[in-house]
PDB file of all heavy atoms in Angstrom:
ATOM      1  N   LEU A   1       0.845  -1.196   0.000  1.00  0.00           N
ATOM      2  CA  LEU A   1       0.000   0.000   0.000  1.00  0.00           C
ATOM      3  C   LEU A   1       0.875   1.239   0.000  1.00  0.00           C
ATOM      4  O   LEU A   1       1.938   1.252   0.644  1.00  0.00           O
ATOM      5  CB  LEU A   1      -0.906   0.036   1.242  1.00  0.00           C
ATOM      6  CG  LEU A   1      -2.051  -0.979   1.329  1.00  0.00           C
ATOM      7  CD1 LEU A   1      -2.720  -0.872   2.700  1.00  0.00           C
ATOM      8  CD2 LEU A   1      -3.073  -0.738   0.237  1.00  0.00           C
ATOM      9  N   PRO A   2       0.448   2.291  -0.673  1.00  0.00           N
ATOM     10  CA  PRO A   2       1.203   3.541  -0.591  1.00  0.00           C
ATOM     11  C   PRO A   2       1.150   4.105   0.826  1.00  0.00           C
ATOM     12  O   PRO A   2       0.202   3.843   1.571  1.00  0.00           O
ATOM     13  CB  PRO A   2       0.472   4.474  -1.573  1.00  0.00           C
ATOM     14  CG  PRO A   2      -0.437   3.603  -2.374  1.00  0.00           C
ATOM     15  CD  PRO A   2      -0.730   2.400  -1.556  1.00  0.00           C
ATOM     16  N   ASP A   3       2.152   4.864   1.199  1.00  0.00           N
ATOM     17  CA  ASP A   3       2.114   5.572   2.480  1.00  0.00           C
ATOM     18  C   ASP A   3       1.064   6.681   2.418  1.00  0.00           C
ATOM     19  O   ASP A   3       0.752   7.207   1.344  1.00  0.00           O
ATOM     20  CB  ASP A   3       3.483   6.196   2.787  1.00  0.00           C
ATOM     21  CG  ASP A   3       4.532   5.144   3.130  1.00  0.00           C
ATOM     22  OD1 ASP A   3       4.155   3.958   3.252  1.00  0.00           O
ATOM     23  OD2 ASP A   3       5.715   5.508   3.261  1.00  0.00           O
ATOM     24  N   GLY A   4       0.513   7.010   3.589  1.00  0.00           N
ATOM     25  CA  GLY A   4      -0.355   8.178   3.692  1.00  0.00           C
ATOM     26  C   GLY A   4      -1.848   7.931   3.546  1.00  0.00           C
ATOM     27  O   GLY A   4      -2.631   8.881   3.542  1.00  0.00           O
ATOM     28  N   ILE A   5      -2.261   6.663   3.420  1.00  0.00           N
ATOM     29  CA  ILE A   5      -3.701   6.369   3.358  1.00  0.00           C
ATOM     30  C   ILE A   5      -4.268   6.390   4.773  1.00  0.00           C
ATOM     31  O   ILE A   5      -3.738   5.719   5.666  1.00  0.00           O
ATOM     32  CB  ILE A   5      -3.959   4.997   2.719  1.00  0.00           C
ATOM     33  CG1 ILE A   5      -3.420   4.947   1.286  1.00  0.00           C
ATOM     34  CG2 ILE A   5      -5.453   4.664   2.735  1.00  0.00           C
ATOM     35  CD1 ILE A   5      -3.526   3.580   0.657  1.00  0.00           C
ATOM     36  N   PRO A   6      -5.348   7.132   5.029  1.00  0.00           N
ATOM     37  CA  PRO A   6      -5.926   7.144   6.379  1.00  0.00           C
ATOM     38  C   PRO A   6      -6.452   5.768   6.782  1.00  0.00           C
ATOM     39  O   PRO A   6      -7.096   5.084   5.984  1.00  0.00           O
ATOM     40  CB  PRO A   6      -7.082   8.147   6.275  1.00  0.00           C
ATOM     41  CG  PRO A   6      -6.801   8.954   5.051  1.00  0.00           C
ATOM     42  CD  PRO A   6      -6.054   8.055   4.120  1.00  0.00           C
ATOM     43  N   VAL A   7      -6.130   5.368   7.980  1.00  0.00           N
ATOM     44  CA  VAL A   7      -6.730   4.170   8.586  1.00  0.00           C
ATOM     45  C   VAL A   7      -7.843   4.691   9.481  1.00  0.00           C
ATOM     46  O   VAL A   7      -7.587   5.390  10.459  1.00  0.00           O
ATOM     47  CB  VAL A   7      -5.691   3.371   9.390  1.00  0.00           C
ATOM     48  CG1 VAL A   7      -6.327   2.114   9.986  1.00  0.00           C
ATOM     49  CG2 VAL A   7      -4.505   3.011   8.521  1.00  0.00           C
ATOM     50  N   ALA A   8      -9.098   4.361   9.153  1.00  0.00           N
ATOM     51  CA  ALA A   8     -10.169   5.178   9.710  1.00  0.00           C
ATOM     52  C   ALA A   8     -11.411   4.438  10.194  1.00  0.00           C
ATOM     53  O   ALA A   8     -12.303   5.072  10.739  1.00  0.00           O
ATOM     54  CB  ALA A   8     -10.611   6.213   8.663  1.00  0.00           C
ATOM     55  N   GLY A   9     -11.533   3.145  10.029  1.00  0.00           N
ATOM     56  CA  GLY A   9     -12.747   2.465  10.477  1.00  0.00           C
ATOM     57  C   GLY A   9     -12.430   1.084  11.003  1.00  0.00           C
ATOM     58  O   GLY A   9     -11.742   0.310  10.352  1.00  0.00           O
ATOM     59  N   ILE A  10     -12.886   0.778  12.205  1.00  0.00           N
ATOM     60  CA  ILE A  10     -12.652  -0.538  12.804  1.00  0.00           C
ATOM     61  C   ILE A  10     -13.950  -0.999  13.451  1.00  0.00           C
ATOM     62  O   ILE A  10     -14.592  -0.242  14.180  1.00  0.00           O
ATOM     63  CB  ILE A  10     -11.570  -0.503  13.905  1.00  0.00           C
ATOM     64  CG1 ILE A  10     -10.303   0.209  13.433  1.00  0.00           C
ATOM     65  CG2 ILE A  10     -11.240  -1.907  14.375  1.00  0.00           C
ATOM     66  CD1 ILE A  10      -9.278   0.379  14.542  1.00  0.00           C
ATOM     67  N   ALA A  11     -14.318  -2.257  13.218  1.00  0.00           N
ATOM     68  CA  ALA A  11     -15.461  -2.833  13.930  1.00  0.00           C
ATOM     69  C   ALA A  11     -15.363  -4.341  13.897  1.00  0.00           C
ATOM     70  O   ALA A  11     -14.832  -4.924  12.944  1.00  0.00           O
ATOM     71  CB  ALA A  11     -16.783  -2.381  13.311  1.00  0.00           C
ATOM     72  N   GLY A  12     -15.866  -4.969  14.928  1.00  0.00           N
ATOM     73  CA  GLY A  12     -15.971  -6.415  14.948  1.00  0.00           C
ATOM     74  C   GLY A  12     -16.911  -6.893  13.851  1.00  0.00           C
ATOM     75  O   GLY A  12     -17.723  -6.131  13.321  1.00  0.00           O
ATOM     76  N   ASP A  13     -16.798  -8.149  13.523  1.00  0.00           N
ATOM     77  CA  ASP A  13     -17.508  -8.732  12.382  1.00  0.00           C
ATOM     78  C   ASP A  13     -19.001  -8.400  12.388  1.00  0.00           C
ATOM     79  O   ASP A  13     -19.523  -7.794  11.444  1.00  0.00           O
ATOM     80  CB  ASP A  13     -17.306 -10.254  12.430  1.00  0.00           C
ATOM     81  CG  ASP A  13     -17.686 -10.950  11.137  1.00  0.00           C
ATOM     82  OD1 ASP A  13     -18.093 -10.266  10.192  1.00  0.00           O
ATOM     83  OD2 ASP A  13     -17.557 -12.171  11.088  1.00  0.00           O
ATOM     84  N   GLN A  14     -19.703  -8.793  13.433  1.00  0.00           N
ATOM     85  CA  GLN A  14     -21.156  -8.637  13.428  1.00  0.00           C
ATOM     86  C   GLN A  14     -21.604  -7.206  13.680  1.00  0.00           C
ATOM     87  O   GLN A  14     -22.640  -6.760  13.188  1.00  0.00           O
ATOM     88  CB  GLN A  14     -21.777  -9.591  14.453  1.00  0.00           C
ATOM     89  CG  GLN A  14     -21.484 -11.052  14.183  1.00  0.00           C
ATOM     90  CD  GLN A  14     -21.794 -11.440  12.743  1.00  0.00           C
ATOM     91  OE1 GLN A  14     -22.806 -11.014  12.177  1.00  0.00           O
ATOM     92  NE2 GLN A  14     -20.934 -12.234  12.128  1.00  0.00           N
ATOM     93  N   GLN A  15     -20.817  -6.457  14.435  1.00  0.00           N
ATOM     94  CA  GLN A  15     -21.145  -5.036  14.615  1.00  0.00           C
ATOM     95  C   GLN A  15     -21.017  -4.285  13.303  1.00  0.00           C
ATOM     96  O   GLN A  15     -21.830  -3.400  12.997  1.00  0.00           O
ATOM     97  CB  GLN A  15     -20.228  -4.415  15.676  1.00  0.00           C
ATOM     98  CG  GLN A  15     -20.485  -4.924  17.084  1.00  0.00           C
ATOM     99  CD  GLN A  15     -19.577  -6.068  17.462  1.00  0.00           C
ATOM    100  OE1 GLN A  15     -19.128  -6.846  16.612  1.00  0.00           O
ATOM    101  NE2 GLN A  15     -19.292  -6.198  18.750  1.00  0.00           N
ATOM    102  N   ALA A  16     -20.009  -4.641  12.519  1.00  0.00           N
ATOM    103  CA  ALA A  16     -19.849  -4.010  11.212  1.00  0.00           C
ATOM    104  C   ALA A  16     -21.041  -4.326  10.313  1.00  0.00           C
ATOM    105  O   ALA A  16     -21.531  -3.461   9.571  1.00  0.00           O
ATOM    106  CB  ALA A  16     -18.552  -4.487  10.551  1.00  0.00           C
ATOM    107  N   ALA A  17     -21.537  -5.567  10.387  1.00  0.00           N
ATOM    108  CA  ALA A  17     -22.702  -5.934   9.594  1.00  0.00           C
ATOM    109  C   ALA A  17     -23.943  -5.168  10.042  1.00  0.00           C
ATOM    110  O   ALA A  17     -24.757  -4.748   9.211  1.00  0.00           O
ATOM    111  CB  ALA A  17     -22.942  -7.440   9.682  1.00  0.00           C
ATOM    112  N   LEU A  18     -24.101  -4.975  11.348  1.00  0.00           N
ATOM    113  CA  LEU A  18     -25.238  -4.198  11.862  1.00  0.00           C
ATOM    114  C   LEU A  18     -25.176  -2.764  11.342  1.00  0.00           C
ATOM    115  O   LEU A  18     -26.193  -2.196  10.936  1.00  0.00           O
ATOM    116  CB  LEU A  18     -25.223  -4.201  13.390  1.00  0.00           C
ATOM    117  CG  LEU A  18     -26.416  -3.551  14.093  1.00  0.00           C
ATOM    118  CD1 LEU A  18     -27.685  -4.376  13.898  1.00  0.00           C
ATOM    119  CD2 LEU A  18     -26.127  -3.380  15.596  1.00  0.00           C
ATOM    120  N   PHE A  19     -23.974  -2.196  11.304  1.00  0.00           N
ATOM    121  CA  PHE A  19     -23.804  -0.838  10.790  1.00  0.00           C
ATOM    122  C   PHE A  19     -24.032  -0.822   9.282  1.00  0.00           C
ATOM    123  O   PHE A  19     -24.673   0.089   8.746  1.00  0.00           O
ATOM    124  CB  PHE A  19     -22.404  -0.315  11.123  1.00  0.00           C
ATOM    125  CG  PHE A  19     -22.289   1.176  10.993  1.00  0.00           C
ATOM    126  CD1 PHE A  19     -22.636   2.010  12.043  1.00  0.00           C
ATOM    127  CD2 PHE A  19     -21.819   1.751   9.815  1.00  0.00           C
ATOM    128  CE1 PHE A  19     -22.530   3.393  11.935  1.00  0.00           C
ATOM    129  CE2 PHE A  19     -21.711   3.129   9.694  1.00  0.00           C
ATOM    130  CZ  PHE A  19     -22.071   3.951  10.758  1.00  0.00           C
ATOM    131  N   GLY A  20     -23.514  -1.825   8.595  1.00  0.00           N
ATOM    132  CA  GLY A  20     -23.698  -1.903   7.151  1.00  0.00           C
ATOM    133  C   GLY A  20     -25.157  -2.035   6.754  1.00  0.00           C
ATOM    134  O   GLY A  20     -25.566  -1.599   5.671  1.00  0.00           O
ATOM    135  N   GLN A  21     -25.962  -2.603   7.642  1.00  0.00           N
ATOM    136  CA  GLN A  21     -27.398  -2.721   7.402  1.00  0.00           C
ATOM    137  C   GLN A  21     -28.160  -1.468   7.822  1.00  0.00           C
ATOM    138  O   GLN A  21     -29.397  -1.441   7.746  1.00  0.00           O
ATOM    139  CB  GLN A  21     -27.958  -3.934   8.166  1.00  0.00           C
ATOM    140  CG  GLN A  21     -27.581  -5.283   7.571  1.00  0.00           C
ATOM    141  CD  GLN A  21     -28.481  -5.660   6.409  1.00  0.00           C
ATOM    142  OE1 GLN A  21     -29.000  -4.818   5.694  1.00  0.00           O
ATOM    143  NE2 GLN A  21     -28.670  -6.958   6.227  1.00  0.00           N
ATOM    144  N   ALA A  22     -27.436  -0.433   8.232  1.00  0.00           N
ATOM    145  CA  ALA A  22     -28.036   0.861   8.620  1.00  0.00           C
ATOM    146  C   ALA A  22     -29.080   0.701   9.715  1.00  0.00           C
ATOM    147  O   ALA A  22     -30.119   1.371   9.704  1.00  0.00           O
ATOM    148  CB  ALA A  22     -28.630   1.562   7.399  1.00  0.00           C
ATOM    149  N   CYS A  23     -28.798  -0.190  10.667  1.00  0.00           N
ATOM    150  CA  CYS A  23     -29.704  -0.379  11.810  1.00  0.00           C
ATOM    151  C   CYS A  23     -29.338   0.640  12.895  1.00  0.00           C
ATOM    152  O   CYS A  23     -28.756   0.289  13.932  1.00  0.00           O
ATOM    153  CB  CYS A  23     -29.607  -1.803  12.334  1.00  0.00           C
ATOM    154  SG  CYS A  23     -30.241  -3.051  11.193  1.00  0.00           S
ATOM    155  N   PHE A  24     -29.664   1.887  12.640  1.00  0.00           N
ATOM    156  CA  PHE A  24     -29.224   2.986  13.496  1.00  0.00           C
ATOM    157  C   PHE A  24     -30.219   3.326  14.605  1.00  0.00           C
ATOM    158  O   PHE A  24     -29.882   4.069  15.525  1.00  0.00           O
ATOM    159  CB  PHE A  24     -28.960   4.233  12.655  1.00  0.00           C
ATOM    160  CG  PHE A  24     -27.914   4.040  11.588  1.00  0.00           C
ATOM    161  CD1 PHE A  24     -28.038   4.652  10.343  1.00  0.00           C
ATOM    162  CD2 PHE A  24     -26.804   3.247  11.821  1.00  0.00           C
ATOM    163  CE1 PHE A  24     -27.073   4.468   9.363  1.00  0.00           C
ATOM    164  CE2 PHE A  24     -25.828   3.058  10.847  1.00  0.00           C
ATOM    165  CZ  PHE A  24     -25.972   3.668   9.610  1.00  0.00           C
ATOM    166  N   GLU A  25     -31.445   2.807  14.506  1.00  0.00           N
ATOM    167  CA  GLU A  25     -32.457   3.135  15.495  1.00  0.00           C
ATOM    168  C   GLU A  25     -32.637   1.966  16.468  1.00  0.00           C
ATOM    169  O   GLU A  25     -32.591   0.802  16.063  1.00  0.00           O
ATOM    170  CB  GLU A  25     -33.799   3.427  14.811  1.00  0.00           C
ATOM    171  CG  GLU A  25     -33.758   4.598  13.849  1.00  0.00           C
ATOM    172  CD  GLU A  25     -33.371   5.901  14.521  1.00  0.00           C
ATOM    173  OE1 GLU A  25     -33.787   6.101  15.702  1.00  0.00           O
ATOM    174  OE2 GLU A  25     -32.638   6.696  13.906  1.00  0.00           O
ATOM    175  N   PRO A  26     -32.842   2.264  17.764  1.00  0.00           N
ATOM    176  CA  PRO A  26     -33.104   1.192  18.721  1.00  0.00           C
ATOM    177  C   PRO A  26     -34.283   0.334  18.262  1.00  0.00           C
ATOM    178  O   PRO A  26     -35.309   0.854  17.815  1.00  0.00           O
ATOM    179  CB  PRO A  26     -33.432   1.948  20.012  1.00  0.00           C
ATOM    180  CG  PRO A  26     -32.716   3.256  19.877  1.00  0.00           C
ATOM    181  CD  PRO A  26     -32.786   3.595  18.420  1.00  0.00           C
ATOM    182  N   GLY A  27     -34.098  -0.974  18.328  1.00  0.00           N
ATOM    183  CA  GLY A  27     -35.134  -1.896  17.894  1.00  0.00           C
ATOM    184  C   GLY A  27     -34.894  -2.473  16.520  1.00  0.00           C
ATOM    185  O   GLY A  27     -35.476  -3.499  16.169  1.00  0.00           O
ATOM    186  N   GLN A  28     -34.048  -1.824  15.722  1.00  0.00           N
ATOM    187  CA  GLN A  28     -33.733  -2.375  14.404  1.00  0.00           C
ATOM    188  C   GLN A  28     -32.747  -3.530  14.568  1.00  0.00           C
ATOM    189  O   GLN A  28     -31.834  -3.478  15.394  1.00  0.00           O
ATOM    190  CB  GLN A  28     -33.138  -1.301  13.495  1.00  0.00           C
ATOM    191  CG  GLN A  28     -34.145  -0.256  13.037  1.00  0.00           C
ATOM    192  CD  GLN A  28     -33.545   0.684  12.000  1.00  0.00           C
ATOM    193  OE1 GLN A  28     -32.476   1.268  12.207  1.00  0.00           O
ATOM    194  NE2 GLN A  28     -34.244   0.854  10.885  1.00  0.00           N
ATOM    195  N   ALA A  29     -32.944  -4.571  13.763  1.00  0.00           N
ATOM    196  CA  ALA A  29     -32.146  -5.786  13.927  1.00  0.00           C
ATOM    197  C   ALA A  29     -31.762  -6.382  12.583  1.00  0.00           C
ATOM    198  O   ALA A  29     -32.427  -6.161  11.570  1.00  0.00           O
ATOM    199  CB  ALA A  29     -32.916  -6.821  14.745  1.00  0.00           C
ATOM    200  N   LYS A  30     -30.673  -7.129  12.606  1.00  0.00           N
ATOM    201  CA  LYS A  30     -30.219  -7.834  11.395  1.00  0.00           C
ATOM    202  C   LYS A  30     -29.816  -9.242  11.771  1.00  0.00           C
ATOM    203  O   LYS A  30     -29.461  -9.550  12.915  1.00  0.00           O
ATOM    204  CB  LYS A  30     -29.052  -7.089  10.757  1.00  0.00           C
ATOM    205  CG  LYS A  30     -27.739  -7.137  11.549  1.00  0.00           C
ATOM    206  CD  LYS A  30     -26.876  -8.339  11.207  1.00  0.00           C
ATOM    207  CE  LYS A  30     -25.747  -8.526  12.209  1.00  0.00           C
ATOM    208  NZ  LYS A  30     -24.988  -9.769  11.970  1.00  0.00           N
ATOM    209  N   SER A  31     -29.867 -10.129  10.773  1.00  0.00           N
ATOM    210  CA  SER A  31     -29.372 -11.493  10.938  1.00  0.00           C
ATOM    211  C   SER A  31     -28.440 -11.808   9.791  1.00  0.00           C
ATOM    212  O   SER A  31     -28.798 -11.626   8.621  1.00  0.00           O
ATOM    213  CB  SER A  31     -30.531 -12.492  10.961  1.00  0.00           C
ATOM    214  OG  SER A  31     -30.036 -13.820  11.112  1.00  0.00           O
ATOM    215  N   THR A  32     -27.249 -12.249  10.107  1.00  0.00           N
ATOM    216  CA  THR A  32     -26.264 -12.645   9.107  1.00  0.00           C
ATOM    217  C   THR A  32     -26.214 -14.166   9.046  1.00  0.00           C
ATOM    218  O   THR A  32     -25.978 -14.825  10.057  1.00  0.00           O
ATOM    219  CB  THR A  32     -24.869 -12.087   9.460  1.00  0.00           C
ATOM    220  OG1 THR A  32     -24.917 -10.660   9.458  1.00  0.00           O
ATOM    221  CG2 THR A  32     -23.823 -12.559   8.456  1.00  0.00           C
ATOM    222  N   TYR A  33     -26.456 -14.718   7.860  1.00  0.00           N
ATOM    223  CA  TYR A  33     -26.479 -16.162   7.669  1.00  0.00           C
ATOM    224  C   TYR A  33     -25.192 -16.593   6.986  1.00  0.00           C
ATOM    225  O   TYR A  33     -25.064 -16.503   5.768  1.00  0.00           O
ATOM    226  CB  TYR A  33     -27.681 -16.570   6.805  1.00  0.00           C
ATOM    227  CG  TYR A  33     -29.029 -16.244   7.412  1.00  0.00           C
ATOM    228  CD1 TYR A  33     -29.554 -14.957   7.320  1.00  0.00           C
ATOM    229  CD2 TYR A  33     -29.780 -17.218   8.063  1.00  0.00           C
ATOM    230  CE1 TYR A  33     -30.788 -14.648   7.873  1.00  0.00           C
ATOM    231  CE2 TYR A  33     -31.013 -16.915   8.612  1.00  0.00           C
ATOM    232  CZ  TYR A  33     -31.506 -15.631   8.521  1.00  0.00           C
ATOM    233  OH  TYR A  33     -32.724 -15.327   9.071  1.00  0.00           O
ATOM    234  N   GLY A  34     -24.252 -17.034   7.769  1.00  0.00           N
ATOM    235  CA  GLY A  34     -23.009 -17.567   7.231  1.00  0.00           C
ATOM    236  C   GLY A  34     -22.883 -19.015   7.662  1.00  0.00           C
ATOM    237  O   GLY A  34     -23.848 -19.767   7.643  1.00  0.00           O
ATOM    238  N   THR A  35     -21.692 -19.414   8.084  1.00  0.00           N
ATOM    239  CA  THR A  35     -21.507 -20.739   8.662  1.00  0.00           C
ATOM    240  C   THR A  35     -22.459 -20.925   9.834  1.00  0.00           C
ATOM    241  O   THR A  35     -23.120 -21.940   9.982  1.00  0.00           O
ATOM    242  CB  THR A  35     -20.053 -20.930   9.115  1.00  0.00           C
ATOM    243  OG1 THR A  35     -19.202 -20.774   7.975  1.00  0.00           O
ATOM    244  CG2 THR A  35     -19.847 -22.299   9.716  1.00  0.00           C
ATOM    245  N   GLY A  36     -22.511 -19.887  10.672  1.00  0.00           N
ATOM    246  CA  GLY A  36     -23.527 -19.788  11.716  1.00  0.00           C
ATOM    247  C   GLY A  36     -24.473 -18.662  11.366  1.00  0.00           C
ATOM    248  O   GLY A  36     -24.411 -18.111  10.267  1.00  0.00           O
ATOM    249  N   ALA A  37     -25.353 -18.313  12.294  1.00  0.00           N
ATOM    250  CA  ALA A  37     -26.240 -17.171  12.091  1.00  0.00           C
ATOM    251  C   ALA A  37     -26.112 -16.257  13.295  1.00  0.00           C
ATOM    252  O   ALA A  37     -26.065 -16.724  14.440  1.00  0.00           O
ATOM    253  CB  ALA A  37     -27.691 -17.613  11.915  1.00  0.00           C
ATOM    254  N   PHE A  38     -26.057 -14.950  13.039  1.00  0.00           N
ATOM    255  CA  PHE A  38     -25.788 -13.997  14.104  1.00  0.00           C
ATOM    256  C   PHE A  38     -26.806 -12.869  14.030  1.00  0.00           C
ATOM    257  O   PHE A  38     -26.868 -12.147  13.038  1.00  0.00           O
ATOM    258  CB  PHE A  38     -24.360 -13.452  13.977  1.00  0.00           C
ATOM    259  CG  PHE A  38     -23.326 -14.547  13.992  1.00  0.00           C
ATOM    260  CD1 PHE A  38     -22.915 -15.151  12.814  1.00  0.00           C
ATOM    261  CD2 PHE A  38     -22.807 -15.008  15.189  1.00  0.00           C
ATOM    262  CE1 PHE A  38     -21.993 -16.189  12.817  1.00  0.00           C
ATOM    263  CE2 PHE A  38     -21.879 -16.043  15.206  1.00  0.00           C
ATOM    264  CZ  PHE A  38     -21.475 -16.628  14.021  1.00  0.00           C
ATOM    265  N   VAL A  39     -27.608 -12.768  15.083  1.00  0.00           N
ATOM    266  CA  VAL A  39     -28.674 -11.776  15.149  1.00  0.00           C
ATOM    267  C   VAL A  39     -28.265 -10.694  16.122  1.00  0.00           C
ATOM    268  O   VAL A  39     -27.919 -10.974  17.278  1.00  0.00           O
ATOM    269  CB  VAL A  39     -30.005 -12.415  15.596  1.00  0.00           C
ATOM    270  CG1 VAL A  39     -31.143 -11.407  15.492  1.00  0.00           C
ATOM    271  CG2 VAL A  39     -30.313 -13.659  14.780  1.00  0.00           C
ATOM    272  N   LEU A  40     -28.284  -9.439  15.676  1.00  0.00           N
ATOM    273  CA  LEU A  40     -27.996  -8.300  16.540  1.00  0.00           C
ATOM    274  C   LEU A  40     -29.121  -7.294  16.457  1.00  0.00           C
ATOM    275  O   LEU A  40     -29.643  -7.026  15.363  1.00  0.00           O
ATOM    276  CB  LEU A  40     -26.682  -7.607  16.149  1.00  0.00           C
ATOM    277  CG  LEU A  40     -25.408  -8.095  16.864  1.00  0.00           C
ATOM    278  CD1 LEU A  40     -25.015  -9.470  16.338  1.00  0.00           C
ATOM    279  CD2 LEU A  40     -24.258  -7.111  16.661  1.00  0.00           C
ATOM    280  N   MET A  41     -29.491  -6.744  17.619  1.00  0.00           N
ATOM    281  CA  MET A  41     -30.494  -5.683  17.684  1.00  0.00           C
ATOM    282  C   MET A  41     -29.892  -4.453  18.348  1.00  0.00           C
ATOM    283  O   MET A  41     -29.287  -4.542  19.419  1.00  0.00           O
ATOM    284  CB  MET A  41     -31.722  -6.127  18.484  1.00  0.00           C
ATOM    285  CG  MET A  41     -32.735  -5.000  18.728  1.00  0.00           C
ATOM    286  SD  MET A  41     -34.072  -5.447  19.855  1.00  0.00           S
ATOM    287  CE  MET A  41     -35.133  -6.360  18.733  1.00  0.00           C
ATOM    288  N   ASN A  42     -30.026  -3.311  17.717  1.00  0.00           N
ATOM    289  CA  ASN A  42     -29.601  -2.044  18.290  1.00  0.00           C
ATOM    290  C   ASN A  42     -30.501  -1.734  19.484  1.00  0.00           C
ATOM    291  O   ASN A  42     -31.723  -1.709  19.363  1.00  0.00           O
ATOM    292  CB  ASN A  42     -29.721  -0.947  17.223  1.00  0.00           C
ATOM    293  CG  ASN A  42     -29.247   0.418  17.700  1.00  0.00           C
ATOM    294  OD1 ASN A  42     -29.335   0.761  18.869  1.00  0.00           O
ATOM    295  ND2 ASN A  42     -28.751   1.225  16.771  1.00  0.00           N
ATOM    296  N   THR A  43     -29.898  -1.512  20.653  1.00  0.00           N
ATOM    297  CA  THR A  43     -30.681  -1.179  21.849  1.00  0.00           C
ATOM    298  C   THR A  43     -30.438   0.248  22.323  1.00  0.00           C
ATOM    299  O   THR A  43     -30.881   0.623  23.403  1.00  0.00           O
ATOM    300  CB  THR A  43     -30.382  -2.161  22.999  1.00  0.00           C
ATOM    301  OG1 THR A  43     -28.990  -2.110  23.330  1.00  0.00           O
ATOM    302  CG2 THR A  43     -30.771  -3.582  22.612  1.00  0.00           C
ATOM    303  N   GLY A  44     -29.729   1.060  21.528  1.00  0.00           N
ATOM    304  CA  GLY A  44     -29.539   2.458  21.882  1.00  0.00           C
ATOM    305  C   GLY A  44     -28.332   2.669  22.771  1.00  0.00           C
ATOM    306  O   GLY A  44     -27.415   1.843  22.842  1.00  0.00           O
ATOM    307  N   THR A  45     -28.325   3.766  23.491  1.00  0.00           N
ATOM    308  CA  THR A  45     -27.154   4.175  24.271  1.00  0.00           C
ATOM    309  C   THR A  45     -27.129   3.602  25.681  1.00  0.00           C
ATOM    310  O   THR A  45     -26.223   3.917  26.456  1.00  0.00           O
ATOM    311  CB  THR A  45     -27.083   5.712  24.344  1.00  0.00           C
ATOM    312  OG1 THR A  45     -28.321   6.218  24.870  1.00  0.00           O
ATOM    313  CG2 THR A  45     -26.853   6.308  22.962  1.00  0.00           C
ATOM    314  N   GLU A  46     -28.110   2.773  26.017  1.00  0.00           N
ATOM    315  CA  GLU A  46     -28.108   2.104  27.315  1.00  0.00           C
ATOM    316  C   GLU A  46     -27.998   0.598  27.093  1.00  0.00           C
ATOM    317  O   GLU A  46     -28.760   0.030  26.320  1.00  0.00           O
ATOM    318  CB  GLU A  46     -29.397   2.417  28.085  1.00  0.00           C
ATOM    319  CG  GLU A  46     -29.540   3.864  28.522  1.00  0.00           C
ATOM    320  CD  GLU A  46     -28.485   4.265  29.543  1.00  0.00           C
ATOM    321  OE1 GLU A  46     -28.087   3.395  30.352  1.00  0.00           O
ATOM    322  OE2 GLU A  46     -28.059   5.431  29.513  1.00  0.00           O
TER     323      GLU A  46
END
């Protein structure tokens, strides 16, 4: 890689998928079906 590229985003596997699914409101949920299945629901700031 060339020098000087910003390193700017980090997230765990399933959290990244929740963000990628734009589940930004509490109560929104996603399920990822891979080898296993992983269901995450946004519960807000608490």
